[in-house]
Amino acid sequence: MPGYRSPDPLSRRALLSTVGAVAVAGCLSDDDPPTPGLDEISIRNSLDRKVDAQVTVFKSDDQVYDRTHTLAGFDGYAPGSVVIEEPWMGANERYEVQIDVPSFDENTFKTEQFLEMAGSVDDIACFDLSVALSGRTIGFFVGANETCSPPRKDE
C-alpha cells in the first residue's frame, strides 16, 4: 500500500541495539557446554619411507607432550602408525597439536578448528585426532565422541 506507515516503526538504531543485545547475551551464557577434551592422537604414515614425526602438544598453553616417533613406511599392506594415549588427555581444555616431520612437512591442529567444524558440541565429550602423512602434506581428521576414555594411569 503506497503511503502506509506502521503505527510503531522500528528505527535502524533500535534494531541495531536489539541485535547487539542478543549477540552479547549469547556470548555471556553460562549454559555453554564445556570444550571437548582430546581423547587420543593416532598417526599413520602412508609414505613409502620411514619417517620421524616430532609430536608436541600444548594443553591450555602448557606443553604436556614432546616426543619423536619413528614410523615405518607404507609396505603395500598397512601404513606405519602410532597411537598416543596419555593420562593428561580427556580434560575439557584447549589443545594444540604440532606435528613436524623434517624434510617433509609440518602442521598444527587446535581445538578451535574442531569447534568450528563441529558447530554444536552439546553431546560431544571428547574428540580423537587422526594425523595422516600422505602425498605432500600432513592432514588432520577428527572424530567426535559422546564419552571420553577412562582415565589412564601414568606409565
C-alpha atoms as a PDB file:
ATOM      1  CA  MET A   1       0.000   0.000   0.000  1.00  0.00           C
ATOM      2  CA  PRO A   2       1.574   3.267  -1.033  1.00  0.00           C
ATOM      3  CA  GLY A   3       1.920   5.685   1.809  1.00  0.00           C
ATOM      4  CA  TYR A   4       1.241   3.029   4.507  1.00  0.00           C
ATOM      5  CA  ARG A   5       3.264   3.539   7.609  1.00  0.00           C
ATOM      6  CA  SER A   6       3.433   1.160  10.551  1.00  0.00           C
ATOM      7  CA  PRO A   7       1.965   2.696  13.691  1.00  0.00           C
ATOM      8  CA  ASP A   8       5.164   1.825  15.621  1.00  0.00           C
ATOM      9  CA  PRO A   9       8.084   1.818  13.196  1.00  0.00           C
ATOM     10  CA  LEU A  10      11.337   0.204  14.316  1.00  0.00           C
ATOM     11  CA  SER A  11      14.150   2.627  13.744  1.00  0.00           C
ATOM     12  CA  ARG A  12      17.539   1.487  12.474  1.00  0.00           C
ATOM     13  CA  ARG A  13      19.080   2.481  15.827  1.00  0.00           C
ATOM     14  CA  ALA A  14      16.500   0.440  17.771  1.00  0.00           C
ATOM     15  CA  LEU A  15      17.057  -2.564  15.506  1.00  0.00           C
ATOM     16  CA  LEU A  16      20.866  -2.412  15.875  1.00  0.00           C
ATOM     17  CA  SER A  17      20.684  -2.068  19.659  1.00  0.00           C
ATOM     18  CA  THR A  18      18.389  -5.124  19.807  1.00  0.00           C
ATOM     19  CA  VAL A  19      20.733  -7.183  17.628  1.00  0.00           C
ATOM     20  CA  GLY A  20      23.703  -6.083  19.750  1.00  0.00           C
ATOM     21  CA  ALA A  21      21.952  -7.086  22.963  1.00  0.00           C
ATOM     22  CA  VAL A  22      21.072 -10.511  21.560  1.00  0.00           C
ATOM     23  CA  ALA A  23      24.659 -11.057  20.341  1.00  0.00           C
ATOM     24  CA  VAL A  24      26.148 -10.115  23.719  1.00  0.00           C
ATOM     25  CA  ALA A  25      23.618 -12.247  25.580  1.00  0.00           C
ATOM     26  CA  GLY A  26      24.692 -15.258  23.515  1.00  0.00           C
ATOM     27  CA  CYS A  27      28.348 -14.686  24.419  1.00  0.00           C
ATOM     28  CA  LEU A  28      27.663 -14.399  28.120  1.00  0.00           C
ATOM     29  CA  SER A  29      25.667 -17.592  28.544  1.00  0.00           C
ATOM     30  CA  ASP A  30      26.668 -19.855  31.435  1.00  0.00           C
ATOM     31  CA  ASP A  31      24.909 -22.732  29.689  1.00  0.00           C
ATOM     32  CA  ASP A  32      27.603 -23.180  27.027  1.00  0.00           C
ATOM     33  CA  PRO A  33      28.845 -26.781  27.023  1.00  0.00           C
ATOM     34  CA  PRO A  34      32.444 -27.348  28.119  1.00  0.00           C
ATOM     35  CA  THR A  35      35.166 -27.594  25.491  1.00  0.00           C
ATOM     36  CA  PRO A  36      35.517 -31.254  24.430  1.00  0.00           C
ATOM     37  CA  GLY A  37      38.732 -32.928  25.556  1.00  0.00           C
ATOM     38  CA  LEU A  38      41.351 -34.570  23.360  1.00  0.00           C
ATOM     39  CA  ASP A  39      40.974 -38.350  23.816  1.00  0.00           C
ATOM     40  CA  GLU A  40      43.747 -39.754  21.612  1.00  0.00           C
ATOM     41  CA  ILE A  41      46.086 -38.971  18.744  1.00  0.00           C
ATOM     42  CA  SER A  42      46.750 -41.535  16.039  1.00  0.00           C
ATOM     43  CA  ILE A  43      49.357 -41.012  13.348  1.00  0.00           C
ATOM     44  CA  ARG A  44      49.534 -43.002  10.093  1.00  0.00           C
ATOM     45  CA  ASN A  45      52.424 -42.849   7.679  1.00  0.00           C
ATOM     46  CA  SER A  46      51.315 -43.662   4.124  1.00  0.00           C
ATOM     47  CA  LEU A  47      54.621 -42.530   2.648  1.00  0.00           C
ATOM     48  CA  ASP A  48      56.874 -45.149   1.087  1.00  0.00           C
ATOM     49  CA  ARG A  49      59.681 -44.403   3.546  1.00  0.00           C
ATOM     50  CA  LYS A  50      60.309 -44.445   7.291  1.00  0.00           C
ATOM     51  CA  VAL A  51      59.955 -41.040   8.967  1.00  0.00           C
ATOM     52  CA  ASP A  52      60.489 -39.444  12.349  1.00  0.00           C
ATOM     53  CA  ALA A  53      57.458 -37.444  13.483  1.00  0.00           C
ATOM     54  CA  GLN A  54      58.002 -34.878  16.229  1.00  0.00           C
ATOM     55  CA  VAL A  55      54.763 -34.521  18.214  1.00  0.00           C
ATOM     56  CA  THR A  56      54.359 -31.563  20.573  1.00  0.00           C
ATOM     57  CA  VAL A  57      51.112 -30.980  22.474  1.00  0.00           C
ATOM     58  CA  PHE A  58      50.043 -27.955  24.493  1.00  0.00           C
ATOM     59  CA  LYS A  59      47.104 -28.108  26.891  1.00  0.00           C
ATOM     60  CA  SER A  60      45.868 -24.625  27.808  1.00  0.00           C
ATOM     61  CA  ASP A  61      49.209 -23.160  26.686  1.00  0.00           C
ATOM     62  CA  ASP A  62      51.271 -25.581  28.838  1.00  0.00           C
ATOM     63  CA  GLN A  63      53.447 -28.079  26.983  1.00  0.00           C
ATOM     64  CA  VAL A  64      52.416 -31.575  28.116  1.00  0.00           C
ATOM     65  CA  TYR A  65      53.983 -33.769  25.423  1.00  0.00           C
ATOM     66  CA  ASP A  66      57.090 -33.615  23.266  1.00  0.00           C
ATOM     67  CA  ARG A  67      58.316 -36.843  21.674  1.00  0.00           C
ATOM     68  CA  THR A  68      59.646 -38.122  18.393  1.00  0.00           C
ATOM     69  CA  HIS A  69      58.021 -41.259  16.978  1.00  0.00           C
ATOM     70  CA  THR A  70      59.662 -43.310  14.229  1.00  0.00           C
ATOM     71  CA  LEU A  71      57.012 -44.597  11.835  1.00  0.00           C
ATOM     72  CA  ALA A  72      57.643 -47.324   9.288  1.00  0.00           C
ATOM     73  CA  GLY A  73      56.764 -46.519   5.694  1.00  0.00           C
ATOM     74  CA  PHE A  74      53.762 -47.986   3.886  1.00  0.00           C
ATOM     75  CA  ASP A  75      54.681 -51.579   2.985  1.00  0.00           C
ATOM     76  CA  GLY A  76      51.916 -52.174   0.457  1.00  0.00           C
ATOM     77  CA  TYR A  77      49.539 -53.547   3.084  1.00  0.00           C
ATOM     78  CA  ALA A  78      49.492 -51.164   6.028  1.00  0.00           C
ATOM     79  CA  PRO A  79      50.858 -47.745   6.955  1.00  0.00           C
ATOM     80  CA  GLY A  80      53.309 -47.322   9.808  1.00  0.00           C
ATOM     81  CA  SER A  81      51.366 -45.998  12.775  1.00  0.00           C
ATOM     82  CA  VAL A  82      51.369 -44.996  16.407  1.00  0.00           C
ATOM     83  CA  VAL A  83      48.554 -44.221  18.860  1.00  0.00           C
ATOM     84  CA  ILE A  84      49.187 -41.716  21.635  1.00  0.00           C
ATOM     85  CA  GLU A  85      47.093 -42.082  24.791  1.00  0.00           C
ATOM     86  CA  GLU A  86      48.281 -40.208  27.869  1.00  0.00           C
ATOM     87  CA  PRO A  87      46.976 -39.564  31.409  1.00  0.00           C
ATOM     88  CA  TRP A  88      46.639 -35.811  30.761  1.00  0.00           C
ATOM     89  CA  MET A  89      44.229 -36.385  27.878  1.00  0.00           C
ATOM     90  CA  GLY A  90      40.467 -36.025  28.200  1.00  0.00           C
ATOM     91  CA  ALA A  91      40.425 -32.817  30.244  1.00  0.00           C
ATOM     92  CA  ASN A  92      37.978 -30.200  28.947  1.00  0.00           C
ATOM     93  CA  GLU A  93      40.623 -27.698  27.930  1.00  0.00           C
ATOM     94  CA  ARG A  94      42.015 -26.209  24.730  1.00  0.00           C
ATOM     95  CA  TYR A  95      44.685 -28.248  22.949  1.00  0.00           C
ATOM     96  CA  GLU A  96      47.239 -27.506  20.272  1.00  0.00           C
ATOM     97  CA  VAL A  97      48.941 -30.424  18.496  1.00  0.00           C
ATOM     98  CA  GLN A  98      52.036 -29.720  16.419  1.00  0.00           C
ATOM     99  CA  ILE A  99      53.376 -32.362  14.023  1.00  0.00           C
ATOM    100  CA  ASP A 100      56.777 -31.863  12.426  1.00  0.00           C
ATOM    101  CA  VAL A 101      58.306 -34.353  10.005  1.00  0.00           C
ATOM    102  CA  PRO A 102      61.694 -32.967   8.963  1.00  0.00           C
ATOM    103  CA  SER A 103      62.263 -32.748   5.189  1.00  0.00           C
ATOM    104  CA  PHE A 104      58.539 -33.416   4.610  1.00  0.00           C
ATOM    105  CA  ASP A 105      56.019 -31.053   6.244  1.00  0.00           C
ATOM    106  CA  GLU A 106      54.755 -29.570   9.489  1.00  0.00           C
ATOM    107  CA  ASN A 107      51.231 -28.732  10.559  1.00  0.00           C
ATOM    108  CA  THR A 108      49.310 -27.657  13.669  1.00  0.00           C
ATOM    109  CA  PHE A 109      45.811 -28.550  14.848  1.00  0.00           C
ATOM    110  CA  LYS A 110      43.977 -26.533  17.513  1.00  0.00           C
ATOM    111  CA  THR A 111      40.793 -27.250  19.449  1.00  0.00           C
ATOM    112  CA  GLU A 112      39.298 -24.123  17.861  1.00  0.00           C
ATOM    113  CA  GLN A 113      39.401 -25.854  14.466  1.00  0.00           C
ATOM    114  CA  PHE A 114      37.370 -28.753  15.849  1.00  0.00           C
ATOM    115  CA  LEU A 115      34.851 -26.364  17.413  1.00  0.00           C
ATOM    116  CA  GLU A 116      34.402 -24.588  14.066  1.00  0.00           C
ATOM    117  CA  MET A 117      33.851 -27.892  12.237  1.00  0.00           C
ATOM    118  CA  ALA A 118      31.522 -29.380  14.848  1.00  0.00           C
ATOM    119  CA  GLY A 119      29.252 -26.359  15.231  1.00  0.00           C
ATOM    120  CA  SER A 120      27.349 -27.684  18.247  1.00  0.00           C
ATOM    121  CA  VAL A 121      29.267 -29.631  20.905  1.00  0.00           C
ATOM    122  CA  ASP A 122      26.314 -30.307  23.217  1.00  0.00           C
ATOM    123  CA  ASP A 123      26.697 -34.112  23.014  1.00  0.00           C
ATOM    124  CA  ILE A 124      30.463 -34.255  22.497  1.00  0.00           C
ATOM    125  CA  ALA A 125      32.684 -35.035  25.493  1.00  0.00           C
ATOM    126  CA  CYS A 126      35.956 -35.734  23.650  1.00  0.00           C
ATOM    127  CA  PHE A 127      37.457 -35.914  20.193  1.00  0.00           C
ATOM    128  CA  ASP A 128      40.063 -38.154  18.567  1.00  0.00           C
ATOM    129  CA  LEU A 129      42.672 -36.633  16.298  1.00  0.00           C
ATOM    130  CA  SER A 130      43.922 -38.728  13.376  1.00  0.00           C
ATOM    131  CA  VAL A 131      47.019 -37.490  11.590  1.00  0.00           C
ATOM    132  CA  ALA A 132      47.752 -38.682   8.045  1.00  0.00           C
ATOM    133  CA  LEU A 133      51.164 -38.379   6.427  1.00  0.00           C
ATOM    134  CA  SER A 134      50.500 -38.790   2.731  1.00  0.00           C
ATOM    135  CA  GLY A 135      51.160 -37.216  -0.629  1.00  0.00           C
ATOM    136  CA  ARG A 136      52.896 -33.942   0.101  1.00  0.00           C
ATOM    137  CA  THR A 137      51.232 -32.914   3.333  1.00  0.00           C
ATOM    138  CA  ILE A 138      50.175 -33.689   6.884  1.00  0.00           C
ATOM    139  CA  GLY A 139      46.392 -33.887   7.172  1.00  0.00           C
ATOM    140  CA  PHE A 140      44.098 -33.960  10.194  1.00  0.00           C
ATOM    141  CA  PHE A 141      40.859 -35.890  10.614  1.00  0.00           C
ATOM    142  CA  VAL A 142      38.687 -35.595  13.708  1.00  0.00           C
ATOM    143  CA  GLY A 143      36.185 -37.956  15.307  1.00  0.00           C
ATOM    144  CA  ALA A 144      33.678 -36.837  17.942  1.00  0.00           C
ATOM    145  CA  ASN A 145      32.874 -38.997  20.975  1.00  0.00           C
ATOM    146  CA  GLU A 146      29.948 -38.819  23.401  1.00  0.00           C
ATOM    147  CA  THR A 147      32.223 -40.109  26.178  1.00  0.00           C
ATOM    148  CA  CYS A 148      35.931 -39.950  26.957  1.00  0.00           C
ATOM    149  CA  SER A 149      38.155 -42.952  27.564  1.00  0.00           C
ATOM    150  CA  PRO A 150      38.570 -43.948  31.209  1.00  0.00           C
ATOM    151  CA  PRO A 151      41.386 -42.103  32.967  1.00  0.00           C
ATOM    152  CA  ARG A 152      44.773 -43.582  32.132  1.00  0.00           C
ATOM    153  CA  LYS A 153      47.455 -44.322  34.692  1.00  0.00           C
ATOM    154  CA  ASP A 154      50.906 -42.790  34.446  1.00  0.00           C
ATOM    155  CA  GLU A 155      53.276 -45.265  32.884  1.00  0.00           C
END
